Amino acid sequence: VTRDVSTWATRGHLLMVADGMGAHAAGELASKIAVDNIPHTYFKLHDLYPPAAIRQAIRDANAAIHAKGQSSIGFQGMGTTCSCLVLLPQGALIAHVGDSRVYRLHGEVLEQLTFDHSLVWEMAAAGKMNEEEVPACIPKNVITRSLGPHATVHIDLEGPYSAQTGDVFLLCSDGLSGQVTDEELGAILHCLTPDEAVETLVDLANFRGGPDNISVI
């Protein structure tokens, strides 16, 4: 979160979730490289406008994770999702790779602002069907795009979306979205303060089995 007015005016606030994949150690390292490098690079690129700066920051992180993955057999194929929300005076900018999600609650309407880069979502889009209509034999945990496995990465850049007083933004890994429905997310965000909502959402996902890491902002 930006602490001074001049930085807020030009760079905004940057929040992100990165959900590592690969063997446990490799996934943890990949996500750490992402969250350590992306904010640092973004705020350092003063000569670029925010959309170009966040895109370049993610590309640089991808290169760093890919290089680390090539350096050791134990790290080969390591990767991480990356969902960034930049809150600027002119609105909300989103940069996204993978199946972590960014939502916005505006009034009583919850919108998912990101597209899941997952096999299920890609098949649903290609077949012009709902996620629920994809055959059950298709695994839900296969993602089609992430930081690290390849030398280059395609980044979804969305916005700026309007950000008005009272709007609530939620960033989360699939450890939450896989266990809690959008209707439940919206109701909890609408009724509770941000801190209470985060605690309640994590508790609910764990109550339903908590089969995956749960990261929520």
Protein backbone atom coordinates (compact mmCIF):
# COMPACT_ATOMS: atom_id res chain seq x y z
CA VAL A 1 0.00 0.00 0.00
CA THR A 2 1.42 3.38 -1.07
CA ARG A 3 2.16 5.71 1.84
CA ASP A 4 2.56 9.13 0.17
CA VAL A 5 0.20 11.16 -2.00
CA SER A 6 2.58 11.70 -4.92
CA THR A 7 3.28 7.98 -5.34
CA TRP A 8 -0.43 7.23 -5.01
CA ALA A 9 -1.19 9.71 -7.79
CA THR A 10 1.25 8.10 -10.25
CA ARG A 11 1.59 4.44 -9.15
CA GLY A 12 -1.41 3.71 -6.92
CA HIS A 13 -1.60 0.76 -4.53
CA LEU A 14 -0.46 -2.70 -5.68
CA LEU A 15 -1.95 -5.89 -4.23
CA MET A 16 -1.29 -9.39 -5.51
CA VAL A 17 -1.78 -13.10 -4.94
CA ALA A 18 0.62 -15.74 -6.29
CA ASP A 19 -0.19 -19.44 -5.91
CA GLY A 20 2.88 -21.63 -6.52
CA MET A 21 2.84 -24.97 -8.32
CA GLY A 22 5.25 -27.82 -8.89
CA ALA A 23 6.81 -29.72 -6.01
CA HIS A 24 6.16 -27.99 -2.68
CA ALA A 25 9.56 -26.29 -2.42
CA ALA A 26 9.56 -25.26 -6.08
CA GLY A 27 6.06 -23.81 -5.95
CA GLU A 28 6.81 -21.93 -2.75
CA LEU A 29 9.97 -20.46 -4.28
CA ALA A 30 8.22 -19.51 -7.53
CA SER A 31 5.48 -17.61 -5.71
CA LYS A 32 8.05 -15.92 -3.45
CA ILE A 33 10.07 -14.73 -6.45
CA ALA A 34 6.87 -13.29 -7.93
CA VAL A 35 5.75 -11.38 -4.83
CA ASP A 36 9.28 -10.17 -4.05
CA ASN A 37 10.05 -8.93 -7.55
CA ILE A 38 6.82 -7.65 -9.11
CA PRO A 39 6.06 -4.83 -6.61
CA HIS A 40 9.73 -3.81 -6.46
CA THR A 41 10.02 -3.61 -10.26
CA TYR A 42 6.65 -1.95 -10.75
CA PHE A 43 7.41 0.94 -8.40
CA LYS A 44 10.90 1.32 -9.87
CA LEU A 45 9.73 1.79 -13.48
CA HIS A 46 8.91 5.51 -13.15
CA ASP A 47 9.31 6.17 -16.88
CA LEU A 48 6.46 3.79 -17.82
CA TYR A 49 2.74 4.32 -17.35
CA PRO A 50 1.16 1.87 -14.84
CA PRO A 51 -0.19 -0.62 -17.46
CA ALA A 52 3.20 -0.92 -19.15
CA ALA A 53 5.03 -0.99 -15.82
CA ILE A 54 2.97 -3.83 -14.34
CA ARG A 55 3.25 -5.82 -17.56
CA GLN A 56 7.03 -5.40 -17.59
CA ALA A 57 7.29 -6.27 -13.90
CA ILE A 58 5.45 -9.54 -14.49
CA ARG A 59 7.57 -10.36 -17.55
CA ASP A 60 10.74 -9.80 -15.51
CA ALA A 61 9.43 -12.06 -12.73
CA ASN A 62 8.58 -14.74 -15.29
CA ALA A 63 12.13 -14.58 -16.63
CA ALA A 64 13.56 -14.90 -13.11
CA ILE A 65 11.35 -17.89 -12.24
CA HIS A 66 12.09 -19.57 -15.58
CA ALA A 67 15.83 -19.12 -15.10
CA LYS A 68 15.63 -20.62 -11.62
CA GLY A 69 13.62 -23.53 -12.99
CA GLN A 70 16.32 -24.25 -15.56
CA SER A 71 19.10 -24.16 -12.96
CA SER A 72 18.21 -27.38 -11.14
CA ILE A 73 16.38 -30.64 -11.88
CA GLY A 74 14.43 -30.17 -8.65
CA PHE A 75 13.05 -26.84 -9.86
CA GLN A 76 12.21 -27.77 -13.47
CA GLY A 77 8.66 -26.82 -14.41
CA MET A 78 8.21 -24.63 -11.34
CA GLY A 79 5.59 -21.95 -11.73
CA THR A 80 3.06 -19.71 -10.07
CA THR A 81 -0.18 -17.94 -10.78
CA CYS A 82 -0.12 -14.15 -10.56
CA SER A 83 -3.10 -11.87 -10.05
CA CYS A 84 -2.30 -8.19 -9.49
CA LEU A 85 -4.67 -5.35 -8.64
CA VAL A 86 -3.39 -1.79 -9.05
CA LEU A 87 -5.71 0.75 -7.44
CA LEU A 88 -5.15 4.12 -9.12
CA PRO A 89 -6.96 7.47 -8.86
CA GLN A 90 -8.50 6.76 -12.26
CA GLY A 91 -9.65 3.24 -11.40
CA ALA A 92 -8.59 -0.38 -10.92
CA LEU A 93 -6.08 -2.03 -13.23
CA ILE A 94 -5.70 -5.83 -13.29
CA ALA A 95 -2.80 -7.92 -14.59
CA HIS A 96 -3.40 -11.66 -14.47
CA VAL A 97 -1.88 -15.06 -15.30
CA GLY A 98 -3.30 -18.37 -14.04
CA ASP A 99 -6.40 -19.36 -12.09
CA SER A 100 -6.21 -17.15 -9.03
CA ARG A 101 -9.00 -14.58 -9.20
CA VAL A 102 -9.87 -10.91 -8.75
CA TYR A 103 -13.46 -9.98 -7.89
CA ARG A 104 -15.25 -6.66 -7.41
CA LEU A 105 -18.35 -6.22 -5.26
CA HIS A 106 -20.22 -3.13 -6.47
CA GLY A 107 -23.40 -2.54 -4.50
CA GLU A 108 -25.01 -5.98 -4.43
CA VAL A 109 -23.35 -7.28 -7.60
CA LEU A 110 -20.23 -9.47 -7.46
CA GLU A 111 -18.19 -9.68 -10.68
CA GLN A 112 -15.22 -11.89 -11.43
CA LEU A 113 -12.87 -9.55 -13.31
CA THR A 114 -10.37 -12.23 -14.38
CA PHE A 115 -10.57 -15.22 -16.72
CA ASP A 116 -9.34 -18.52 -15.28
CA HIS A 117 -6.44 -19.81 -17.36
CA SER A 118 -7.52 -23.39 -16.66
CA LEU A 119 -8.36 -26.33 -18.89
CA VAL A 120 -11.98 -26.27 -17.71
CA TRP A 121 -12.45 -22.56 -18.43
CA GLU A 122 -10.66 -22.74 -21.79
CA MET A 123 -12.86 -25.66 -22.87
CA ALA A 124 -15.98 -23.88 -21.68
CA ALA A 125 -15.04 -20.76 -23.65
CA ALA A 126 -14.18 -22.73 -26.77
CA GLY A 127 -17.44 -24.67 -26.58
CA LYS A 128 -19.49 -21.61 -25.59
CA MET A 129 -20.81 -23.34 -22.48
CA ASN A 130 -20.88 -22.78 -18.74
CA GLU A 131 -18.14 -24.14 -16.49
CA GLU A 132 -20.66 -26.59 -15.01
CA GLU A 133 -21.36 -28.04 -18.46
CA VAL A 134 -17.76 -29.16 -19.04
CA PRO A 135 -17.54 -32.98 -18.72
CA ALA A 136 -16.71 -34.12 -15.19
CA CYS A 137 -13.75 -36.15 -16.49
CA ILE A 138 -11.84 -32.92 -17.23
CA PRO A 139 -9.58 -32.18 -14.22
CA LYS A 140 -10.29 -28.84 -12.56
CA ASN A 141 -6.74 -28.27 -11.32
CA VAL A 142 -4.96 -28.13 -14.71
CA ILE A 143 -3.95 -24.57 -15.54
CA THR A 144 -3.02 -23.47 -19.04
CA ARG A 145 -0.95 -20.40 -18.27
CA SER A 146 1.43 -19.49 -15.43
CA LEU A 147 4.68 -17.69 -14.64
CA GLY A 148 7.86 -19.73 -14.93
CA PRO A 149 7.46 -22.80 -17.13
CA HIS A 150 8.19 -20.90 -20.35
CA ALA A 151 10.62 -18.14 -21.28
CA THR A 152 7.76 -15.86 -22.35
CA VAL A 153 4.28 -15.45 -20.93
CA HIS A 154 1.03 -13.92 -22.18
CA ILE A 155 -0.44 -11.55 -19.58
CA ASP A 156 -4.10 -10.53 -19.41
CA LEU A 157 -4.25 -6.77 -18.76
CA GLU A 158 -7.73 -5.47 -17.91
CA GLY A 159 -9.19 -2.08 -17.02
CA PRO A 160 -9.14 0.44 -15.68
CA TYR A 161 -12.39 -0.57 -14.02
CA SER A 162 -14.33 1.99 -12.01
CA ALA A 163 -13.53 1.99 -8.30
CA GLN A 164 -16.12 3.87 -6.28
CA THR A 165 -16.58 4.48 -2.59
CA GLY A 166 -17.98 1.31 -1.04
CA ASP A 167 -16.63 -1.05 -3.70
CA VAL A 168 -14.87 -4.13 -2.33
CA PHE A 169 -12.15 -5.97 -4.25
CA LEU A 170 -11.19 -9.57 -3.46
CA LEU A 171 -8.05 -11.38 -4.62
CA CYS A 172 -7.81 -15.10 -3.90
CA SER A 173 -6.17 -18.36 -4.85
CA ASP A 174 -8.25 -21.31 -6.05
CA GLY A 175 -8.02 -22.73 -2.54
CA LEU A 176 -10.85 -20.33 -1.76
CA SER A 177 -12.79 -20.15 -5.04
CA GLY A 178 -12.78 -23.94 -5.35
CA GLN A 179 -14.60 -24.34 -2.03
CA VAL A 180 -16.81 -21.25 -1.75
CA THR A 181 -19.39 -20.21 -4.35
CA ASP A 182 -19.59 -16.74 -5.87
CA GLU A 183 -22.96 -16.23 -4.18
CA GLU A 184 -21.39 -16.98 -0.80
CA LEU A 185 -18.41 -14.74 -1.55
CA GLY A 186 -20.70 -11.85 -2.41
CA ALA A 187 -22.89 -12.27 0.67
CA ILE A 188 -19.91 -12.42 3.04
CA LEU A 189 -18.16 -9.42 1.44
CA HIS A 190 -21.43 -7.46 1.58
CA CYS A 191 -22.15 -8.18 5.26
CA LEU A 192 -18.74 -8.09 6.94
CA THR A 193 -15.75 -5.76 7.24
CA PRO A 194 -12.73 -6.73 5.08
CA ASP A 195 -10.81 -8.27 8.01
CA GLU A 196 -13.87 -10.23 9.18
CA ALA A 197 -14.64 -11.33 5.62
CA VAL A 198 -11.11 -12.69 5.06
CA GLU A 199 -11.21 -14.66 8.32
CA THR A 200 -14.69 -16.03 7.59
CA LEU A 201 -13.86 -17.02 4.01
CA VAL A 202 -10.69 -18.88 5.05
CA ASP A 203 -12.54 -20.63 7.86
CA LEU A 204 -15.34 -21.66 5.49
CA ALA A 205 -12.93 -23.06 2.89
CA ASN A 206 -11.09 -25.00 5.61
CA PHE A 207 -14.39 -26.25 7.06
CA ARG A 208 -15.16 -27.74 3.64
CA GLY A 209 -11.91 -29.67 3.59
CA GLY A 210 -9.29 -27.04 2.78
CA PRO A 211 -7.58 -29.28 0.20
CA ASP A 212 -5.39 -26.45 -1.12
CA ASN A 213 -3.55 -23.38 0.14
CA ILE A 214 -5.93 -20.47 0.73
CA SER A 215 -4.70 -16.93 0.07
CA VAL A 216 -7.15 -14.05 0.38
CA ILE A 217 -6.87 -10.26 0.22
